[in-house]
C-alpha atoms as a PDB file:
ATOM      1  CA  MET A   1      37.265   0.346 -28.289  1.00  0.00           C
ATOM      2  CA  ASN A   2      39.190   1.605 -31.302  1.00  0.00           C
ATOM      3  CA  VAL A   3      42.731   1.082 -30.032  1.00  0.00           C
ATOM      4  CA  GLY A   4      42.289  -2.014 -27.854  1.00  0.00           C
ATOM      5  CA  PRO A   5      42.705  -2.897 -24.176  1.00  0.00           C
ATOM      6  CA  GLU A   6      46.493  -2.613 -24.043  1.00  0.00           C
ATOM      7  CA  ALA A   7      46.406   1.038 -25.072  1.00  0.00           C
ATOM      8  CA  TYR A   8      43.704   1.722 -22.491  1.00  0.00           C
ATOM      9  CA  LEU A   9      45.691   0.063 -19.706  1.00  0.00           C
ATOM     10  CA  ALA A  10      48.750   2.080 -20.669  1.00  0.00           C
ATOM     11  CA  LEU A  11      46.877   5.263 -19.744  1.00  0.00           C
ATOM     12  CA  GLY A  12      47.195   4.423 -16.075  1.00  0.00           C
ATOM     13  CA  LYS A  13      50.009   2.868 -14.072  1.00  0.00           C
ATOM     14  CA  PRO A  14      51.052  -0.738 -13.331  1.00  0.00           C
ATOM     15  CA  ASN A  15      48.278  -2.676 -11.556  1.00  0.00           C
ATOM     16  CA  ASN A  16      46.039   0.397 -11.936  1.00  0.00           C
ATOM     17  CA  GLY A  17      45.461   0.686 -15.665  1.00  0.00           C
ATOM     18  CA  GLY A  18      43.085   2.907 -17.561  1.00  0.00           C
ATOM     19  CA  THR A  19      41.111   5.968 -16.534  1.00  0.00           C
ATOM     20  CA  LYS A  20      38.446   6.672 -13.921  1.00  0.00           C
ATOM     21  CA  ILE A  21      35.755   9.309 -13.701  1.00  0.00           C
ATOM     22  CA  PHE A  22      35.868  11.177 -10.388  1.00  0.00           C
ATOM     23  CA  SER A  23      32.859  13.165  -9.251  1.00  0.00           C
ATOM     24  CA  VAL A  24      34.416  15.983  -7.240  1.00  0.00           C
ATOM     25  CA  SER A  25      32.158  17.862  -4.829  1.00  0.00           C
ATOM     26  CA  GLY A  26      32.432  19.859  -1.641  1.00  0.00           C
ATOM     27  CA  ASP A  27      34.572  22.924  -1.044  1.00  0.00           C
ATOM     28  CA  VAL A  28      36.065  23.244  -4.538  1.00  0.00           C
ATOM     29  CA  ALA A  29      35.670  26.054  -7.048  1.00  0.00           C
ATOM     30  CA  ARG A  30      34.410  23.872  -9.920  1.00  0.00           C
ATOM     31  CA  PRO A  31      32.554  20.770  -8.726  1.00  0.00           C
ATOM     32  CA  GLY A  32      32.033  18.256 -11.511  1.00  0.00           C
ATOM     33  CA  ASN A  33      33.004  14.985 -13.170  1.00  0.00           C
ATOM     34  CA  TYR A  34      36.626  14.634 -14.268  1.00  0.00           C
ATOM     35  CA  GLU A  35      38.029  11.655 -16.165  1.00  0.00           C
ATOM     36  CA  VAL A  36      41.747  11.208 -15.546  1.00  0.00           C
ATOM     37  CA  PRO A  37      44.248   8.339 -15.820  1.00  0.00           C
ATOM     38  CA  LEU A  38      44.570   6.256 -12.682  1.00  0.00           C
ATOM     39  CA  GLY A  39      47.676   7.377 -10.844  1.00  0.00           C
ATOM     40  CA  THR A  40      46.986  11.072 -11.418  1.00  0.00           C
ATOM     41  CA  PRO A  41      48.076  13.027  -8.321  1.00  0.00           C
ATOM     42  CA  PHE A  42      45.176  14.231  -6.213  1.00  0.00           C
ATOM     43  CA  ALA A  43      46.735  17.702  -6.357  1.00  0.00           C
ATOM     44  CA  LYS A  44      46.206  17.655 -10.140  1.00  0.00           C
ATOM     45  CA  LEU A  45      42.581  16.531  -9.776  1.00  0.00           C
ATOM     46  CA  LEU A  46      42.007  19.331  -7.277  1.00  0.00           C
ATOM     47  CA  GLU A  47      43.529  21.773  -9.752  1.00  0.00           C
ATOM     48  CA  LEU A  48      41.135  20.552 -12.473  1.00  0.00           C
ATOM     49  CA  ALA A  49      38.277  21.203 -10.065  1.00  0.00           C
ATOM     50  CA  GLY A  50      39.418  24.804  -9.668  1.00  0.00           C
ATOM     51  CA  GLY A  51      41.267  24.364  -6.408  1.00  0.00           C
ATOM     52  CA  MET A  52      39.850  25.112  -2.989  1.00  0.00           C
ATOM     53  CA  ARG A  53      36.900  27.496  -3.055  1.00  0.00           C
ATOM     54  CA  ASP A  54      37.598  30.990  -1.683  1.00  0.00           C
ATOM     55  CA  GLY A  55      41.243  30.114  -1.084  1.00  0.00           C
ATOM     56  CA  LYS A  56      40.527  28.057   2.034  1.00  0.00           C
ATOM     57  CA  LYS A  57      42.937  25.370   3.224  1.00  0.00           C
ATOM     58  CA  ILE A  58      42.142  21.702   2.671  1.00  0.00           C
ATOM     59  CA  LYS A  59      41.233  19.761   5.817  1.00  0.00           C
ATOM     60  CA  GLY A  60      40.080  16.345   4.649  1.00  0.00           C
ATOM     61  CA  VAL A  61      39.006  14.302   1.650  1.00  0.00           C
ATOM     62  CA  ILE A  62      36.649  11.360   1.338  1.00  0.00           C
ATOM     63  CA  PRO A  63      38.087   9.832  -1.851  1.00  0.00           C
ATOM     64  CA  GLY A  64      35.492   7.314  -2.982  1.00  0.00           C
ATOM     65  CA  GLY A  65      31.994   8.001  -1.720  1.00  0.00           C
ATOM     66  CA  SER A  66      30.501   8.629   1.721  1.00  0.00           C
ATOM     67  CA  SER A  67      31.279   5.150   3.053  1.00  0.00           C
ATOM     68  CA  MET A  68      35.018   5.418   2.430  1.00  0.00           C
ATOM     69  CA  PRO A  69      37.354   6.468   5.290  1.00  0.00           C
ATOM     70  CA  VAL A  70      38.328  10.132   5.286  1.00  0.00           C
ATOM     71  CA  ILE A  71      41.978  11.051   4.630  1.00  0.00           C
ATOM     72  CA  ARG A  72      43.573  14.108   6.190  1.00  0.00           C
ATOM     73  CA  GLY A  73      44.168  16.898   3.694  1.00  0.00           C
ATOM     74  CA  ASP A  74      47.937  17.083   4.090  1.00  0.00           C
ATOM     75  CA  LEU A  75      48.309  13.368   3.342  1.00  0.00           C
ATOM     76  CA  MET A  76      45.843  13.531   0.468  1.00  0.00           C
ATOM     77  CA  MET A  77      47.882  16.235  -1.246  1.00  0.00           C
ATOM     78  CA  GLN A  78      50.762  13.744  -1.425  1.00  0.00           C
ATOM     79  CA  THR A  79      48.611  10.846  -2.698  1.00  0.00           C
ATOM     80  CA  ASP A  80      47.816   9.630  -6.210  1.00  0.00           C
ATOM     81  CA  MET A  81      44.319   8.727  -7.382  1.00  0.00           C
ATOM     82  CA  ASP A  82      44.661   4.984  -7.903  1.00  0.00           C
ATOM     83  CA  TYR A  83      43.552   1.935  -5.939  1.00  0.00           C
ATOM     84  CA  ASP A  84      46.938   1.046  -4.456  1.00  0.00           C
ATOM     85  CA  SER A  85      47.900   4.590  -3.463  1.00  0.00           C
ATOM     86  CA  ILE A  86      44.552   5.329  -1.802  1.00  0.00           C
ATOM     87  CA  ALA A  87      44.685   1.994   0.043  1.00  0.00           C
ATOM     88  CA  LYS A  88      48.168   2.867   1.311  1.00  0.00           C
ATOM     89  CA  ALA A  89      46.773   6.191   2.571  1.00  0.00           C
ATOM     90  CA  GLY A  90      44.096   4.312   4.519  1.00  0.00           C
ATOM     91  CA  SER A  91      40.993   4.494   2.350  1.00  0.00           C
ATOM     92  CA  MET A  92      39.483   3.207  -0.930  1.00  0.00           C
ATOM     93  CA  LEU A  93      38.535   4.685  -4.312  1.00  0.00           C
ATOM     94  CA  GLY A  94      35.077   3.138  -4.188  1.00  0.00           C
ATOM     95  CA  SER A  95      32.653   4.907  -6.491  1.00  0.00           C
ATOM     96  CA  GLY A  96      35.066   7.749  -7.259  1.00  0.00           C
ATOM     97  CA  ALA A  97      32.858  10.315  -5.522  1.00  0.00           C
ATOM     98  CA  VAL A  98      35.446  12.690  -4.062  1.00  0.00           C
ATOM     99  CA  ILE A  99      34.240  14.914  -1.212  1.00  0.00           C
ATOM    100  CA  VAL A 100      36.636  17.767  -0.426  1.00  0.00           C
ATOM    101  CA  MET A 101      36.345  19.559   2.939  1.00  0.00           C
ATOM    102  CA  ASN A 102      38.005  22.823   3.910  1.00  0.00           C
ATOM    103  CA  GLU A 103      39.439  24.089   7.197  1.00  0.00           C
ATOM    104  CA  GLU A 104      36.079  25.477   8.343  1.00  0.00           C
ATOM    105  CA  ARG A 105      34.318  22.120   8.241  1.00  0.00           C
ATOM    106  CA  CYS A 106      33.275  20.707  11.589  1.00  0.00           C
ATOM    107  CA  MET A 107      34.124  17.013  11.342  1.00  0.00           C
ATOM    108  CA  VAL A 108      31.684  16.091  14.094  1.00  0.00           C
ATOM    109  CA  LYS A 109      28.860  17.749  12.179  1.00  0.00           C
ATOM    110  CA  SER A 110      30.068  16.098   8.955  1.00  0.00           C
ATOM    111  CA  LEU A 111      30.036  12.678  10.618  1.00  0.00           C
ATOM    112  CA  LEU A 112      26.590  13.393  12.033  1.00  0.00           C
ATOM    113  CA  ARG A 113      25.254  13.876   8.495  1.00  0.00           C
ATOM    114  CA  LEU A 114      26.880  10.663   7.294  1.00  0.00           C
ATOM    115  CA  SER A 115      25.660   8.671  10.295  1.00  0.00           C
ATOM    116  CA  TYR A 116      22.114   9.919   9.802  1.00  0.00           C
ATOM    117  CA  PHE A 117      22.201   8.815   6.167  1.00  0.00           C
ATOM    118  CA  TYR A 118      23.199   5.236   7.002  1.00  0.00           C
ATOM    119  CA  TYR A 119      20.765   5.094   9.914  1.00  0.00           C
ATOM    120  CA  GLU A 120      17.944   6.054   7.551  1.00  0.00           C
ATOM    121  CA  GLU A 121      19.166   3.714   4.784  1.00  0.00           C
ATOM    122  CA  SER A 122      19.330   0.567   6.915  1.00  0.00           C
ATOM    123  CA  CYS A 123      16.590  -1.839   5.825  1.00  0.00           C
ATOM    124  CA  GLY A 124      16.436  -3.269   9.336  1.00  0.00           C
ATOM    125  CA  GLN A 125      16.960  -6.914   8.394  1.00  0.00           C
ATOM    126  CA  CYS A 126      20.234  -7.379  10.304  1.00  0.00           C
ATOM    127  CA  THR A 127      20.182  -6.612  14.027  1.00  0.00           C
ATOM    128  CA  PRO A 128      23.784  -5.261  14.149  1.00  0.00           C
ATOM    129  CA  CYS A 129      23.002  -2.769  11.382  1.00  0.00           C
ATOM    130  CA  ARG A 130      19.445  -1.944  12.444  1.00  0.00           C
ATOM    131  CA  GLU A 131      20.425  -1.214  16.036  1.00  0.00           C
ATOM    132  CA  GLY A 132      24.050  -0.202  15.494  1.00  0.00           C
ATOM    133  CA  THR A 133      23.432   2.549  12.952  1.00  0.00           C
ATOM    134  CA  GLY A 134      20.903   4.075  15.340  1.00  0.00           C
ATOM    135  CA  TRP A 135      23.393   3.997  18.194  1.00  0.00           C
ATOM    136  CA  LEU A 136      26.084   5.605  16.037  1.00  0.00           C
ATOM    137  CA  TYR A 137      23.765   8.386  14.916  1.00  0.00           C
ATOM    138  CA  ARG A 138      22.425   9.105  18.404  1.00  0.00           C
ATOM    139  CA  MET A 139      25.883   9.230  19.992  1.00  0.00           C
ATOM    140  CA  VAL A 140      27.332  11.523  17.317  1.00  0.00           C
ATOM    141  CA  HIS A 141      24.191  13.677  17.598  1.00  0.00           C
ATOM    142  CA  ARG A 142      24.771  13.914  21.339  1.00  0.00           C
ATOM    143  CA  ILE A 143      28.405  14.972  20.870  1.00  0.00           C
ATOM    144  CA  GLU A 144      27.532  17.582  18.230  1.00  0.00           C
ATOM    145  CA  HIS A 145      24.863  19.108  20.449  1.00  0.00           C
ATOM    146  CA  GLY A 146      27.039  19.537  23.544  1.00  0.00           C
ATOM    147  CA  GLU A 147      25.913  16.433  25.409  1.00  0.00           C
ATOM    148  CA  GLY A 148      28.905  14.193  24.745  1.00  0.00           C
ATOM    149  CA  ARG A 149      30.296  11.917  27.447  1.00  0.00           C
ATOM    150  CA  PRO A 150      33.967  11.098  28.130  1.00  0.00           C
ATOM    151  CA  ASP A 151      33.530   7.458  27.097  1.00  0.00           C
ATOM    152  CA  ASP A 152      31.580   8.175  23.900  1.00  0.00           C
ATOM    153  CA  LEU A 153      34.529   7.735  21.527  1.00  0.00           C
ATOM    154  CA  ASP A 154      35.389   4.310  22.933  1.00  0.00           C
ATOM    155  CA  THR A 155      31.718   3.355  22.798  1.00  0.00           C
ATOM    156  CA  LEU A 156      31.436   4.476  19.176  1.00  0.00           C
ATOM    157  CA  LEU A 157      34.392   2.293  18.203  1.00  0.00           C
ATOM    158  CA  SER A 158      32.931  -0.614  20.165  1.00  0.00           C
ATOM    159  CA  VAL A 159      29.649  -0.293  18.280  1.00  0.00           C
ATOM    160  CA  CYS A 160      31.595  -0.273  15.005  1.00  0.00           C
ATOM    161  CA  ASP A 161      33.202  -3.560  16.096  1.00  0.00           C
ATOM    162  CA  GLY A 162      29.735  -4.989  16.593  1.00  0.00           C
ATOM    163  CA  ILE A 163      28.555  -3.923  13.135  1.00  0.00           C
ATOM    164  CA  GLN A 164      31.478  -4.426  10.760  1.00  0.00           C
ATOM    165  CA  GLY A 165      31.621  -7.844   9.140  1.00  0.00           C
ATOM    166  CA  ARG A 166      28.421  -8.986  10.864  1.00  0.00           C
ATOM    167  CA  THR A 167      25.734  -8.021   8.352  1.00  0.00           C
ATOM    168  CA  ILE A 168      24.281  -9.629   5.229  1.00  0.00           C
ATOM    169  CA  CYS A 169      25.089  -6.660   2.988  1.00  0.00           C
ATOM    170  CA  ALA A 170      27.822  -4.043   3.126  1.00  0.00           C
ATOM    171  CA  LEU A 171      25.715  -1.178   4.480  1.00  0.00           C
ATOM    172  CA  GLY A 172      26.795  -1.969   8.030  1.00  0.00           C
ATOM    173  CA  ASP A 173      30.450  -1.716   7.030  1.00  0.00           C
ATOM    174  CA  ALA A 174      29.651   1.486   5.136  1.00  0.00           C
ATOM    175  CA  ALA A 175      28.200   3.003   8.305  1.00  0.00           C
ATOM    176  CA  ALA A 176      31.097   1.958  10.523  1.00  0.00           C
ATOM    177  CA  MET A 177      34.092   2.906   8.364  1.00  0.00           C
ATOM    178  CA  PRO A 178      33.461   6.692   8.324  1.00  0.00           C
ATOM    179  CA  VAL A 179      33.072   6.688  12.108  1.00  0.00           C
ATOM    180  CA  ARG A 180      36.373   4.897  12.652  1.00  0.00           C
ATOM    181  CA  ALA A 181      38.275   7.159  10.263  1.00  0.00           C
ATOM    182  CA  MET A 182      36.797  10.426  11.536  1.00  0.00           C
ATOM    183  CA  ILE A 183      37.666   9.562  15.127  1.00  0.00           C
ATOM    184  CA  LYS A 184      41.160   8.355  14.157  1.00  0.00           C
ATOM    185  CA  ASN A 185      42.038  11.390  12.043  1.00  0.00           C
ATOM    186  CA  TYR A 186      40.294  14.112  14.064  1.00  0.00           C
ATOM    187  CA  THR A 187      40.404  12.791  17.626  1.00  0.00           C
ATOM    188  CA  ASP A 188      41.264  16.241  18.996  1.00  0.00           C
ATOM    189  CA  GLU A 189      38.176  17.765  17.422  1.00  0.00           C
ATOM    190  CA  PHE A 190      35.836  15.125  18.849  1.00  0.00           C
ATOM    191  CA  ALA A 191      37.493  15.357  22.272  1.00  0.00           C
ATOM    192  CA  TYR A 192      37.117  19.156  22.225  1.00  0.00           C
ATOM    193  CA  HIS A 193      33.403  18.820  21.437  1.00  0.00           C
ATOM    194  CA  ILE A 194      32.948  16.486  24.377  1.00  0.00           C
ATOM    195  CA  GLU A 195      34.998  18.525  26.868  1.00  0.00           C
ATOM    196  CA  HIS A 196      33.922  22.051  25.887  1.00  0.00           C
ATOM    197  CA  LYS A 197      30.398  21.295  24.611  1.00  0.00           C
ATOM    198  CA  ARG A 198      31.071  23.194  21.394  1.00  0.00           C
ATOM    199  CA  CYS A 199      33.050  23.058  18.164  1.00  0.00           C
ATOM    200  CA  MET A 200      36.747  23.947  18.143  1.00  0.00           C
ATOM    201  CA  VAL A 201      36.322  25.497  14.669  1.00  0.00           C
ATOM    202  CA  PRO A 202      35.388  29.192  15.207  1.00  0.00           C
ATOM    203  CA  THR A 203      33.138  29.369  12.153  1.00  0.00           C
ATOM    204  CA  TYR A 204      32.011  26.066  10.767  1.00  0.00           C
ATOM    205  CA  VAL A 205      29.607  24.777   8.129  1.00  0.00           C
END
């Protein structure tokens, strides 16, 4: 307010001016809210949050709230925290709620929690969302509990096709995007769950 909009925009980078407050949670040493200029490397934001808790390796990051597609940890460590960079990496900044997951996270179990949230949050007005979120949750629940079927991953993506872009509000899209990204980025983990009826991560949370 004191120095004017041009000075504020100069804090960021071209087409991504200013600062943004990121709420960093998950497997970090110092969860909290951190205001940084747009374009700040994610590695720097992670450093501000104390780095990975207990020295664990980074596995994945949801960069903008639970509805945003997850990004693999290795790619995220090379990505800047601005709208264009996150879009190029395959996700969105959204609300700025950054969820950091370490190597011991079971991504099937993580998706199960997300799918349950959107299933419970659906108001039920739109048939694709009302029915689709339930199907997503029940199928992921089946996979997590050792009852997955070989065609479940294709069916999950098909259900996402039936939800995304077909609802009055964005909750349907919010339910579908995490499913797509989790399956795309951690296909081997989901396939292992289905084939071996258990998690491929020895000790998971």
